[in-house]
Amino acid sequence: MRALAGAGHDICSTARGSERARLVTSLGAKPVAVDLYDLNSVRKAIAGSDAVLRLTTRIPSLTKMRDRKAWKETIRLRTRGARILVDAAIAEHVQVYVHESVTFVYRDGGDRWLDEGASTDDGHSAILRGTLEGEQEALRFSDAGGRGVVLRFGGFYGLDAPSTRDTIRMVQLRRLPHFASGENFFSSIYTVDAGRAVAAALRVPAGIYNAADDEPIRFNEYVEAVAKAARAREPLHLPGFVGHWVFGEMWGSFSRSLRVSNAKLKHASGWKPSVGSAIFGWNLIASELQRHAEPSYAIAH
């Protein structure tokens, strides 16, 4: 949102509750009350807009990811919510529709670089099936004469991401171990760069674009980077099957090797991540934690 406001855009944003409304206002946007599952309510909210960005989600905390019920609202937002939003955008003659997705939909690529033409696979997961289904709404928007853009993001990390705080707590409690060899590639993106990618998406041709760091790292390197940032003890080493017990369906995604290329978005928009890899990104987070010395991140040695 900061990137959009910084680029001079007038922004309206949905917000759950008064606290979120205040946050939206502080970031330079106008909060709007809307029922995301009611076509008329959505049409009223987006009337007069040049672009609509579907960034709505309700990802459960890492400790609840194994619970399928915790994903119900996110899947609904990605499918039914996206369908209603596109219906409203078409009816209101909106020019651009940007749809948030994830790189986890790609099939395991080993050590190969994966571009937007790489094969996808829902892995018999309702979460990924809903994700791929939702992407089709951007295609439908383009077919109706608009410009539909899908952004497939790597895993978010950054101090303003709740998942980052969850990750730090888990690694401090030694609940984020090395699973099996951990040699699979993991693609991620610093939240500041994710915001800049959203702003960049407003000026690219219709299509699918990966938004990820320049250098995906191995999953075991990622875990080590988090542990170092949190000043935690050495992560445990556990068998791969334990990953399913910890993360449920999402373990099928986390255990894939996803060396995702961001070249298409960079070429189309001039966007480039300011943080090249999660190793450097988690170093930044460590510096911020030390600067603010937040008690919630303290750990006894």
C-alpha atoms as a PDB file:
ATOM      1  CA  MET A   1       0.000   0.000   0.000  1.00  0.00           C
ATOM      2  CA  ARG A   2       2.912   2.333   0.741  1.00  0.00           C
ATOM      3  CA  ALA A   3       4.281   1.694  -2.746  1.00  0.00           C
ATOM      4  CA  LEU A   4       0.940   2.542  -4.352  1.00  0.00           C
ATOM      5  CA  ALA A   5       0.527   5.715  -2.300  1.00  0.00           C
ATOM      6  CA  GLY A   6       4.122   6.663  -3.013  1.00  0.00           C
ATOM      7  CA  ALA A   7       3.444   6.338  -6.743  1.00  0.00           C
ATOM      8  CA  GLY A   8       0.642   8.894  -6.422  1.00  0.00           C
ATOM      9  CA  HIS A   9      -2.341   6.570  -6.659  1.00  0.00           C
ATOM     10  CA  ASP A  10      -5.593   7.327  -4.845  1.00  0.00           C
ATOM     11  CA  ILE A  11      -6.376   4.137  -2.937  1.00  0.00           C
ATOM     12  CA  CYS A  12      -9.479   2.671  -1.343  1.00  0.00           C
ATOM     13  CA  SER A  13      -8.977  -0.476   0.700  1.00  0.00           C
ATOM     14  CA  THR A  14     -11.145  -2.934   2.547  1.00  0.00           C
ATOM     15  CA  ALA A  15     -10.436  -3.183   6.265  1.00  0.00           C
ATOM     16  CA  ARG A  16     -11.675  -5.608   8.919  1.00  0.00           C
ATOM     17  CA  GLY A  17     -12.652  -3.596  11.982  1.00  0.00           C
ATOM     18  CA  SER A  18     -11.698  -0.170  13.315  1.00  0.00           C
ATOM     19  CA  GLU A  19      -8.094  -1.109  14.093  1.00  0.00           C
ATOM     20  CA  ARG A  20      -7.435  -2.201  10.507  1.00  0.00           C
ATOM     21  CA  ALA A  21      -9.255   0.902   9.242  1.00  0.00           C
ATOM     22  CA  ARG A  22      -6.854   3.085  11.207  1.00  0.00           C
ATOM     23  CA  LEU A  23      -3.911   1.150   9.786  1.00  0.00           C
ATOM     24  CA  VAL A  24      -5.217   1.578   6.234  1.00  0.00           C
ATOM     25  CA  THR A  25      -5.583   5.314   6.810  1.00  0.00           C
ATOM     26  CA  SER A  26      -2.049   5.585   8.204  1.00  0.00           C
ATOM     27  CA  LEU A  27      -0.722   3.937   5.038  1.00  0.00           C
ATOM     28  CA  GLY A  28      -2.293   6.557   2.808  1.00  0.00           C
ATOM     29  CA  ALA A  29      -5.524   4.838   1.759  1.00  0.00           C
ATOM     30  CA  LYS A  30      -9.214   5.342   2.408  1.00  0.00           C
ATOM     31  CA  PRO A  31     -10.879   2.432   4.238  1.00  0.00           C
ATOM     32  CA  VAL A  32     -14.168   1.226   2.779  1.00  0.00           C
ATOM     33  CA  ALA A  33     -16.827  -1.038   4.264  1.00  0.00           C
ATOM     34  CA  VAL A  34     -17.846  -3.753   1.834  1.00  0.00           C
ATOM     35  CA  ASP A  35     -19.336  -7.245   1.819  1.00  0.00           C
ATOM     36  CA  LEU A  36     -16.889  -9.090  -0.410  1.00  0.00           C
ATOM     37  CA  TYR A  37     -19.492 -11.734  -1.220  1.00  0.00           C
ATOM     38  CA  ASP A  38     -22.231  -9.330  -2.292  1.00  0.00           C
ATOM     39  CA  LEU A  39     -22.040  -8.127  -5.897  1.00  0.00           C
ATOM     40  CA  ASN A  40     -23.887  -4.857  -5.351  1.00  0.00           C
ATOM     41  CA  SER A  41     -21.793  -3.986  -2.308  1.00  0.00           C
ATOM     42  CA  VAL A  42     -18.574  -4.637  -4.242  1.00  0.00           C
ATOM     43  CA  ARG A  43     -19.770  -2.659  -7.261  1.00  0.00           C
ATOM     44  CA  LYS A  44     -20.525   0.316  -5.044  1.00  0.00           C
ATOM     45  CA  ALA A  45     -17.085   0.102  -3.424  1.00  0.00           C
ATOM     46  CA  ILE A  46     -15.106  -0.020  -6.696  1.00  0.00           C
ATOM     47  CA  ALA A  47     -17.236   2.337  -8.810  1.00  0.00           C
ATOM     48  CA  GLY A  48     -15.042   4.860 -10.615  1.00  0.00           C
ATOM     49  CA  SER A  49     -11.828   2.893 -10.056  1.00  0.00           C
ATOM     50  CA  ASP A  50      -9.272   2.402 -12.818  1.00  0.00           C
ATOM     51  CA  ALA A  51      -7.849  -0.760 -11.249  1.00  0.00           C
ATOM     52  CA  VAL A  52      -8.916  -3.390  -8.744  1.00  0.00           C
ATOM     53  CA  LEU A  53      -6.383  -5.400  -6.752  1.00  0.00           C
ATOM     54  CA  ARG A  54      -7.489  -8.659  -5.145  1.00  0.00           C
ATOM     55  CA  LEU A  55      -5.057  -9.047  -2.263  1.00  0.00           C
ATOM     56  CA  THR A  56      -7.606 -10.410   0.212  1.00  0.00           C
ATOM     57  CA  THR A  57      -6.509 -13.423   2.199  1.00  0.00           C
ATOM     58  CA  ARG A  58      -6.788 -14.994   5.622  1.00  0.00           C
ATOM     59  CA  ILE A  59      -3.771 -17.276   5.900  1.00  0.00           C
ATOM     60  CA  PRO A  60      -3.737 -19.169   9.209  1.00  0.00           C
ATOM     61  CA  SER A  61      -0.754 -18.955  11.534  1.00  0.00           C
ATOM     62  CA  LEU A  62       2.009 -21.523  11.051  1.00  0.00           C
ATOM     63  CA  THR A  63       0.833 -23.371  14.145  1.00  0.00           C
ATOM     64  CA  LYS A  64      -2.634 -23.846  12.613  1.00  0.00           C
ATOM     65  CA  MET A  65      -1.659 -24.622   9.019  1.00  0.00           C
ATOM     66  CA  ARG A  66      -2.256 -28.340   9.426  1.00  0.00           C
ATOM     67  CA  ASP A  67      -5.933 -27.680  10.218  1.00  0.00           C
ATOM     68  CA  ARG A  68      -7.894 -27.770   6.940  1.00  0.00           C
ATOM     69  CA  LYS A  69     -10.727 -25.784   8.494  1.00  0.00           C
ATOM     70  CA  ALA A  70      -8.321 -22.879   9.095  1.00  0.00           C
ATOM     71  CA  TRP A  71      -7.945 -22.478   5.318  1.00  0.00           C
ATOM     72  CA  LYS A  72     -11.660 -22.350   4.554  1.00  0.00           C
ATOM     73  CA  GLU A  73     -11.969 -18.547   4.398  1.00  0.00           C
ATOM     74  CA  THR A  74      -8.790 -18.081   2.355  1.00  0.00           C
ATOM     75  CA  ILE A  75     -10.006 -20.594  -0.234  1.00  0.00           C
ATOM     76  CA  ARG A  76     -13.381 -18.860  -0.336  1.00  0.00           C
ATOM     77  CA  LEU A  77     -11.746 -15.455  -0.858  1.00  0.00           C
ATOM     78  CA  ARG A  78      -9.548 -16.841  -3.645  1.00  0.00           C
ATOM     79  CA  THR A  79     -12.461 -18.417  -5.492  1.00  0.00           C
ATOM     80  CA  ARG A  80     -15.928 -17.047  -4.806  1.00  0.00           C
ATOM     81  CA  GLY A  81     -14.557 -13.703  -3.631  1.00  0.00           C
ATOM     82  CA  ALA A  82     -12.446 -13.350  -6.786  1.00  0.00           C
ATOM     83  CA  ARG A  83     -15.382 -14.325  -8.998  1.00  0.00           C
ATOM     84  CA  ILE A  84     -17.643 -11.669  -7.487  1.00  0.00           C
ATOM     85  CA  LEU A  85     -14.892  -9.060  -7.645  1.00  0.00           C
ATOM     86  CA  VAL A  86     -14.284  -9.746 -11.340  1.00  0.00           C
ATOM     87  CA  ASP A  87     -18.018  -9.647 -12.042  1.00  0.00           C
ATOM     88  CA  ALA A  88     -18.146  -6.245 -10.342  1.00  0.00           C
ATOM     89  CA  ALA A  89     -15.021  -4.990 -12.137  1.00  0.00           C
ATOM     90  CA  ILE A  90     -16.422  -5.974 -15.531  1.00  0.00           C
ATOM     91  CA  ALA A  91     -19.765  -4.361 -14.761  1.00  0.00           C
ATOM     92  CA  GLU A  92     -18.054  -1.135 -13.616  1.00  0.00           C
ATOM     93  CA  HIS A  93     -15.736  -1.036 -16.671  1.00  0.00           C
ATOM     94  CA  VAL A  94     -12.562  -1.243 -14.599  1.00  0.00           C
ATOM     95  CA  GLN A  95      -9.461  -1.359 -16.803  1.00  0.00           C
ATOM     96  CA  VAL A  96      -7.047  -3.499 -14.724  1.00  0.00           C
ATOM     97  CA  TYR A  97      -7.527  -6.422 -12.356  1.00  0.00           C
ATOM     98  CA  VAL A  98      -4.557  -7.718 -10.316  1.00  0.00           C
ATOM     99  CA  HIS A  99      -4.908 -11.101  -8.645  1.00  0.00           C
ATOM    100  CA  GLU A 100      -2.641 -12.313  -5.845  1.00  0.00           C
ATOM    101  CA  SER A 101      -1.472 -15.918  -6.152  1.00  0.00           C
ATOM    102  CA  VAL A 102       1.512 -17.994  -4.950  1.00  0.00           C
ATOM    103  CA  THR A 103       4.490 -19.775  -6.486  1.00  0.00           C
ATOM    104  CA  PHE A 104       3.628 -22.930  -4.530  1.00  0.00           C
ATOM    105  CA  VAL A 105       1.373 -23.971  -7.418  1.00  0.00           C
ATOM    106  CA  TYR A 106       4.383 -25.013  -9.519  1.00  0.00           C
ATOM    107  CA  ARG A 107       5.334 -28.653  -9.874  1.00  0.00           C
ATOM    108  CA  ASP A 108       8.633 -29.662  -8.246  1.00  0.00           C
ATOM    109  CA  GLY A 109      11.404 -28.443 -10.561  1.00  0.00           C
ATOM    110  CA  GLY A 110      14.502 -29.837  -8.888  1.00  0.00           C
ATOM    111  CA  ASP A 111      17.421 -27.514  -9.628  1.00  0.00           C
ATOM    112  CA  ARG A 112      15.783 -26.021 -12.751  1.00  0.00           C
ATOM    113  CA  TRP A 113      14.668 -22.400 -12.927  1.00  0.00           C
ATOM    114  CA  LEU A 114      10.881 -22.156 -13.172  1.00  0.00           C
ATOM    115  CA  ASP A 115       9.274 -19.447 -15.288  1.00  0.00           C
ATOM    116  CA  GLU A 116       5.574 -18.723 -15.745  1.00  0.00           C
ATOM    117  CA  GLY A 117       5.284 -21.437 -18.376  1.00  0.00           C
ATOM    118  CA  ALA A 118       6.332 -24.191 -15.975  1.00  0.00           C
ATOM    119  CA  SER A 119       3.823 -26.917 -15.126  1.00  0.00           C
ATOM    120  CA  THR A 120       1.533 -26.445 -12.149  1.00  0.00           C
ATOM    121  CA  ASP A 121       0.175 -29.102  -9.820  1.00  0.00           C
ATOM    122  CA  ASP A 122      -2.474 -28.838  -7.122  1.00  0.00           C
ATOM    123  CA  GLY A 123      -0.984 -31.852  -5.351  1.00  0.00           C
ATOM    124  CA  HIS A 124      -4.504 -33.059  -4.458  1.00  0.00           C
ATOM    125  CA  SER A 125      -4.632 -30.074  -2.108  1.00  0.00           C
ATOM    126  CA  ALA A 126      -7.847 -28.064  -1.718  1.00  0.00           C
ATOM    127  CA  ILE A 127      -5.686 -25.041  -0.920  1.00  0.00           C
ATOM    128  CA  LEU A 128      -3.734 -25.136  -4.180  1.00  0.00           C
ATOM    129  CA  ARG A 129      -6.770 -26.223  -6.170  1.00  0.00           C
ATOM    130  CA  GLY A 130      -8.584 -23.116  -4.972  1.00  0.00           C
ATOM    131  CA  THR A 131      -5.524 -21.010  -5.779  1.00  0.00           C
ATOM    132  CA  LEU A 132      -5.388 -22.192  -9.391  1.00  0.00           C
ATOM    133  CA  GLU A 133      -9.148 -21.852  -9.739  1.00  0.00           C
ATOM    134  CA  GLY A 134      -8.931 -18.266  -8.552  1.00  0.00           C
ATOM    135  CA  GLU A 135      -6.259 -17.415 -11.119  1.00  0.00           C
ATOM    136  CA  GLN A 136      -8.758 -18.181 -13.867  1.00  0.00           C
ATOM    137  CA  GLU A 137     -10.743 -15.113 -12.841  1.00  0.00           C
ATOM    138  CA  ALA A 138      -7.928 -12.870 -14.105  1.00  0.00           C
ATOM    139  CA  LEU A 139      -8.064 -14.700 -17.439  1.00  0.00           C
ATOM    140  CA  ARG A 140     -11.834 -14.210 -17.541  1.00  0.00           C
ATOM    141  CA  PHE A 141     -11.342 -10.506 -16.904  1.00  0.00           C
ATOM    142  CA  SER A 142      -8.936 -10.278 -19.842  1.00  0.00           C
ATOM    143  CA  ASP A 143     -11.335 -12.233 -22.059  1.00  0.00           C
ATOM    144  CA  ALA A 144     -13.977  -9.608 -21.236  1.00  0.00           C
ATOM    145  CA  GLY A 145     -11.721  -6.863 -22.597  1.00  0.00           C
ATOM    146  CA  GLY A 146      -9.802  -5.796 -19.498  1.00  0.00           C
ATOM    147  CA  ARG A 147      -6.205  -6.400 -18.462  1.00  0.00           C
ATOM    148  CA  GLY A 148      -5.992  -9.244 -15.969  1.00  0.00           C
ATOM    149  CA  VAL A 149      -2.687  -9.759 -14.157  1.00  0.00           C
ATOM    150  CA  VAL A 150      -1.775 -12.651 -11.853  1.00  0.00           C
ATOM    151  CA  LEU A 151       1.098 -12.172  -9.424  1.00  0.00           C
ATOM    152  CA  ARG A 152       2.501 -15.435  -8.116  1.00  0.00           C
ATOM    153  CA  PHE A 153       4.334 -14.461  -4.947  1.00  0.00           C
ATOM    154  CA  GLY A 154       7.042 -16.372  -3.155  1.00  0.00           C
ATOM    155  CA  GLY A 155       6.711 -16.880   0.588  1.00  0.00           C
ATOM    156  CA  PHE A 156       6.382 -13.521   2.333  1.00  0.00           C
ATOM    157  CA  TYR A 157       8.813 -12.420   5.027  1.00  0.00           C
ATOM    158  CA  GLY A 158       9.254  -9.038   6.689  1.00  0.00           C
ATOM    159  CA  LEU A 159       8.571  -7.513  10.080  1.00  0.00           C
ATOM    160  CA  ASP A 160       5.126  -6.339   8.984  1.00  0.00           C
ATOM    161  CA  ALA A 161       4.080  -9.898   8.047  1.00  0.00           C
ATOM    162  CA  PRO A 162       2.355 -11.895  10.829  1.00  0.00           C
ATOM    163  CA  SER A 163       3.840 -15.069   9.346  1.00  0.00           C
ATOM    164  CA  THR A 164       7.327 -13.718  10.047  1.00  0.00           C
ATOM    165  CA  ARG A 165       6.558 -13.295  13.729  1.00  0.00           C
ATOM    166  CA  ASP A 166       5.115 -16.819  13.797  1.00  0.00           C
ATOM    167  CA  THR A 167       8.222 -18.168  12.065  1.00  0.00           C
ATOM    168  CA  ILE A 168      10.540 -16.505  14.568  1.00  0.00           C
ATOM    169  CA  ARG A 169       8.575 -17.865  17.525  1.00  0.00           C
ATOM    170  CA  MET A 170       8.574 -21.356  16.027  1.00  0.00           C
ATOM    171  CA  VAL A 171      12.311 -21.409  15.420  1.00  0.00           C
ATOM    172  CA  GLN A 172      12.977 -20.081  18.935  1.00  0.00           C
ATOM    173  CA  LEU A 173      10.907 -22.946  20.325  1.00  0.00           C
ATOM    174  CA  ARG A 174      12.746 -25.343  17.964  1.00  0.00           C
ATOM    175  CA  ARG A 175       9.499 -26.154  16.179  1.00  0.00           C
ATOM    176  CA  LEU A 176      10.865 -25.242  12.750  1.00  0.00           C
ATOM    177  CA  PRO A 177      13.472 -27.931  12.149  1.00  0.00           C
ATOM    178  CA  HIS A 178      15.420 -29.130   9.147  1.00  0.00           C
ATOM    179  CA  PHE A 179      13.218 -31.694   7.396  1.00  0.00           C
ATOM    180  CA  ALA A 180      15.029 -34.546   5.630  1.00  0.00           C
ATOM    181  CA  SER A 181      17.896 -33.131   3.512  1.00  0.00           C
ATOM    182  CA  GLY A 182      16.283 -29.712   3.071  1.00  0.00           C
ATOM    183  CA  GLU A 183      17.938 -29.403  -0.340  1.00  0.00           C
ATOM    184  CA  ASN A 184      14.770 -28.268  -2.113  1.00  0.00           C
ATOM    185  CA  PHE A 185      14.751 -24.652  -3.320  1.00  0.00           C
ATOM    186  CA  PHE A 186      12.398 -22.246  -1.563  1.00  0.00           C
ATOM    187  CA  SER A 187      11.326 -19.008  -3.265  1.00  0.00           C
ATOM    188  CA  SER A 188      10.384 -16.069  -1.077  1.00  0.00           C
ATOM    189  CA  ILE A 189       9.952 -12.295  -1.253  1.00  0.00           C
ATOM    190  CA  TYR A 190      10.560  -9.448   1.163  1.00  0.00           C
ATOM    191  CA  THR A 191       7.263  -7.735   1.938  1.00  0.00           C
ATOM    192  CA  VAL A 192       8.494  -4.294   0.869  1.00  0.00           C
ATOM    193  CA  ASP A 193       9.399  -5.724  -2.533  1.00  0.00           C
ATOM    194  CA  ALA A 194       6.038  -7.487  -2.724  1.00  0.00           C
ATOM    195  CA  GLY A 195       4.305  -4.121  -2.313  1.00  0.00           C
ATOM    196  CA  ARG A 196       6.461  -2.635  -5.046  1.00  0.00           C
ATOM    197  CA  ALA A 197       5.606  -5.583  -7.300  1.00  0.00           C
ATOM    198  CA  VAL A 198       1.900  -4.849  -6.851  1.00  0.00           C
ATOM    199  CA  ALA A 199       2.454  -1.255  -7.943  1.00  0.00           C
ATOM    200  CA  ALA A 200       4.517  -2.468 -10.914  1.00  0.00           C
ATOM    201  CA  ALA A 201       1.747  -4.872 -11.952  1.00  0.00           C
ATOM    202  CA  LEU A 202      -0.481  -1.928 -12.833  1.00  0.00           C
ATOM    203  CA  ARG A 203       1.665  -1.197 -15.888  1.00  0.00           C
ATOM    204  CA  VAL A 204       2.374  -4.671 -17.317  1.00  0.00           C
ATOM    205  CA  PRO A 205       0.513  -6.538 -20.096  1.00  0.00           C
ATOM    206  CA  ALA A 206      -2.097  -9.114 -19.124  1.00  0.00           C
ATOM    207  CA  GLY A 207      -0.667 -12.432 -17.960  1.00  0.00           C
ATOM    208  CA  ILE A 208       0.988 -14.318 -15.129  1.00  0.00           C
ATOM    209  CA  TYR A 209       4.096 -12.964 -13.410  1.00  0.00           C
ATOM    210  CA  ASN A 210       6.311 -14.385 -10.679  1.00  0.00           C
ATOM    211  CA  ALA A 211       7.182 -11.995  -7.861  1.00  0.00           C
ATOM    212  CA  ALA A 212      10.070 -13.461  -5.893  1.00  0.00           C
ATOM    213  CA  ASP A 213      13.614 -12.782  -4.724  1.00  0.00           C
ATOM    214  CA  ASP A 214      16.410 -12.895  -7.302  1.00  0.00           C
ATOM    215  CA  GLU A 215      18.071 -15.884  -5.635  1.00  0.00           C
ATOM    216  CA  PRO A 216      15.883 -18.655  -4.193  1.00  0.00           C
ATOM    217  CA  ILE A 217      17.744 -20.582  -1.498  1.00  0.00           C
ATOM    218  CA  ARG A 218      17.620 -24.134  -0.205  1.00  0.00           C
ATOM    219  CA  PHE A 219      15.026 -24.781   2.485  1.00  0.00           C
ATOM    220  CA  ASN A 220      17.686 -25.744   5.017  1.00  0.00           C
ATOM    221  CA  GLU A 221      19.463 -22.428   4.311  1.00  0.00           C
ATOM    222  CA  TYR A 222      16.181 -20.625   4.900  1.00  0.00           C
ATOM    223  CA  VAL A 223      15.694 -22.293   8.283  1.00  0.00           C
ATOM    224  CA  GLU A 224      19.285 -21.439   9.238  1.00  0.00           C
ATOM    225  CA  ALA A 225      18.758 -17.788   8.216  1.00  0.00           C
ATOM    226  CA  VAL A 226      15.637 -17.551  10.394  1.00  0.00           C
ATOM    227  CA  ALA A 227      17.411 -19.169  13.353  1.00  0.00           C
ATOM    228  CA  LYS A 228      20.326 -16.746  13.030  1.00  0.00           C
ATOM    229  CA  ALA A 229      17.984 -13.742  12.849  1.00  0.00           C
ATOM    230  CA  ALA A 230      16.134 -14.931  15.957  1.00  0.00           C
ATOM    231  CA  ARG A 231      19.381 -15.792  17.760  1.00  0.00           C
ATOM    232  CA  ALA A 232      17.912 -19.217  18.366  1.00  0.00           C
ATOM    233  CA  ARG A 233      19.598 -22.533  18.989  1.00  0.00           C
ATOM    234  CA  GLU A 234      20.580 -24.807  16.126  1.00  0.00           C
ATOM    235  CA  PRO A 235      17.399 -26.187  14.485  1.00  0.00           C
ATOM    236  CA  LEU A 236      16.669 -29.857  14.971  1.00  0.00           C
ATOM    237  CA  HIS A 237      17.013 -32.381  12.126  1.00  0.00           C
ATOM    238  CA  LEU A 238      13.891 -34.484  11.623  1.00  0.00           C
ATOM    239  CA  PRO A 239      12.589 -36.933   8.978  1.00  0.00           C
ATOM    240  CA  GLY A 240      10.581 -35.526   6.084  1.00  0.00           C
ATOM    241  CA  PHE A 241       7.305 -37.180   7.111  1.00  0.00           C
ATOM    242  CA  VAL A 242       7.197 -34.982  10.226  1.00  0.00           C
ATOM    243  CA  GLY A 243       6.711 -31.986   7.925  1.00  0.00           C
ATOM    244  CA  HIS A 244       3.218 -33.176   7.062  1.00  0.00           C
ATOM    245  CA  TRP A 245       2.369 -33.409  10.757  1.00  0.00           C
ATOM    246  CA  VAL A 246       3.563 -29.815  11.285  1.00  0.00           C
ATOM    247  CA  PHE A 247       2.139 -28.138   8.161  1.00  0.00           C
ATOM    248  CA  GLY A 248      -0.613 -30.461   6.935  1.00  0.00           C
ATOM    249  CA  GLU A 249      -1.492 -30.087   3.243  1.00  0.00           C
ATOM    250  CA  MET A 250       0.933 -27.206   2.844  1.00  0.00           C
ATOM    251  CA  TRP A 251       3.887 -29.502   3.465  1.00  0.00           C
ATOM    252  CA  GLY A 252       3.385 -30.760  -0.079  1.00  0.00           C
ATOM    253  CA  SER A 253       4.153 -27.210  -1.225  1.00  0.00           C
ATOM    254  CA  PHE A 254       6.962 -26.450   1.210  1.00  0.00           C
ATOM    255  CA  SER A 255       8.765 -29.672   0.314  1.00  0.00           C
ATOM    256  CA  ARG A 256       8.734 -28.999  -3.448  1.00  0.00           C
ATOM    257  CA  SER A 257      11.859 -27.589  -5.036  1.00  0.00           C
ATOM    258  CA  LEU A 258      10.782 -24.212  -6.452  1.00  0.00           C
ATOM    259  CA  ARG A 259      13.617 -22.229  -7.984  1.00  0.00           C
ATOM    260  CA  VAL A 260      11.361 -19.534  -9.368  1.00  0.00           C
ATOM    261  CA  SER A 261      12.502 -16.911 -11.885  1.00  0.00           C
ATOM    262  CA  ASN A 262      11.293 -13.304 -11.618  1.00  0.00           C
ATOM    263  CA  ALA A 263      12.739 -12.303 -15.012  1.00  0.00           C
ATOM    264  CA  LYS A 264       9.388 -11.726 -16.739  1.00  0.00           C
ATOM    265  CA  LEU A 265       8.152  -9.138 -14.228  1.00  0.00           C
ATOM    266  CA  LYS A 266      11.531  -7.385 -14.209  1.00  0.00           C
ATOM    267  CA  HIS A 267      11.583  -7.164 -18.001  1.00  0.00           C
ATOM    268  CA  ALA A 268       7.963  -6.034 -18.329  1.00  0.00           C
ATOM    269  CA  SER A 269       7.955  -3.368 -15.628  1.00  0.00           C
ATOM    270  CA  GLY A 270      11.490  -2.477 -14.592  1.00  0.00           C
ATOM    271  CA  TRP A 271      10.711  -3.772 -11.092  1.00  0.00           C
ATOM    272  CA  LYS A 272      13.632  -5.305  -9.231  1.00  0.00           C
ATOM    273  CA  PRO A 273      13.640  -6.583  -5.664  1.00  0.00           C
ATOM    274  CA  SER A 274      15.709  -4.514  -3.264  1.00  0.00           C
ATOM    275  CA  VAL A 275      16.506  -7.678  -1.308  1.00  0.00           C
ATOM    276  CA  GLY A 276      18.163 -10.278  -3.487  1.00  0.00           C
ATOM    277  CA  SER A 277      17.780 -13.314  -1.257  1.00  0.00           C
ATOM    278  CA  ALA A 278      16.193 -14.384   2.008  1.00  0.00           C
ATOM    279  CA  ILE A 279      19.631 -14.769   3.586  1.00  0.00           C
ATOM    280  CA  PHE A 280      20.203 -11.029   3.215  1.00  0.00           C
ATOM    281  CA  GLY A 281      16.550 -10.301   4.034  1.00  0.00           C
ATOM    282  CA  TRP A 282      16.623 -12.166   7.333  1.00  0.00           C
ATOM    283  CA  ASN A 283      19.838 -10.321   8.201  1.00  0.00           C
ATOM    284  CA  LEU A 284      17.856  -7.093   7.765  1.00  0.00           C
ATOM    285  CA  ILE A 285      15.129  -8.435  10.021  1.00  0.00           C
ATOM    286  CA  ALA A 286      17.742  -9.391  12.643  1.00  0.00           C
ATOM    287  CA  SER A 287      19.113  -5.841  12.572  1.00  0.00           C
ATOM    288  CA  GLU A 288      15.617  -4.414  13.017  1.00  0.00           C
ATOM    289  CA  LEU A 289      14.876  -6.741  15.922  1.00  0.00           C
ATOM    290  CA  GLN A 290      18.087  -5.723  17.661  1.00  0.00           C
ATOM    291  CA  ARG A 291      17.388  -2.038  17.026  1.00  0.00           C
ATOM    292  CA  HIS A 292      13.914  -2.186  18.536  1.00  0.00           C
ATOM    293  CA  ALA A 293      14.790  -4.880  21.097  1.00  0.00           C
ATOM    294  CA  GLU A 294      11.229  -6.190  21.171  1.00  0.00           C
ATOM    295  CA  PRO A 295      10.687  -8.275  24.315  1.00  0.00           C
ATOM    296  CA  SER A 296       8.486 -10.733  22.435  1.00  0.00           C
ATOM    297  CA  TYR A 297      11.555 -11.904  20.510  1.00  0.00           C
ATOM    298  CA  ALA A 298      13.828 -12.325  23.500  1.00  0.00           C
ATOM    299  CA  ILE A 299      15.253 -15.785  24.046  1.00  0.00           C
ATOM    300  CA  ALA A 300      17.198 -17.186  26.951  1.00  0.00           C
ATOM    301  CA  HIS A 301      20.467 -18.950  26.273  1.00  0.00           C
END
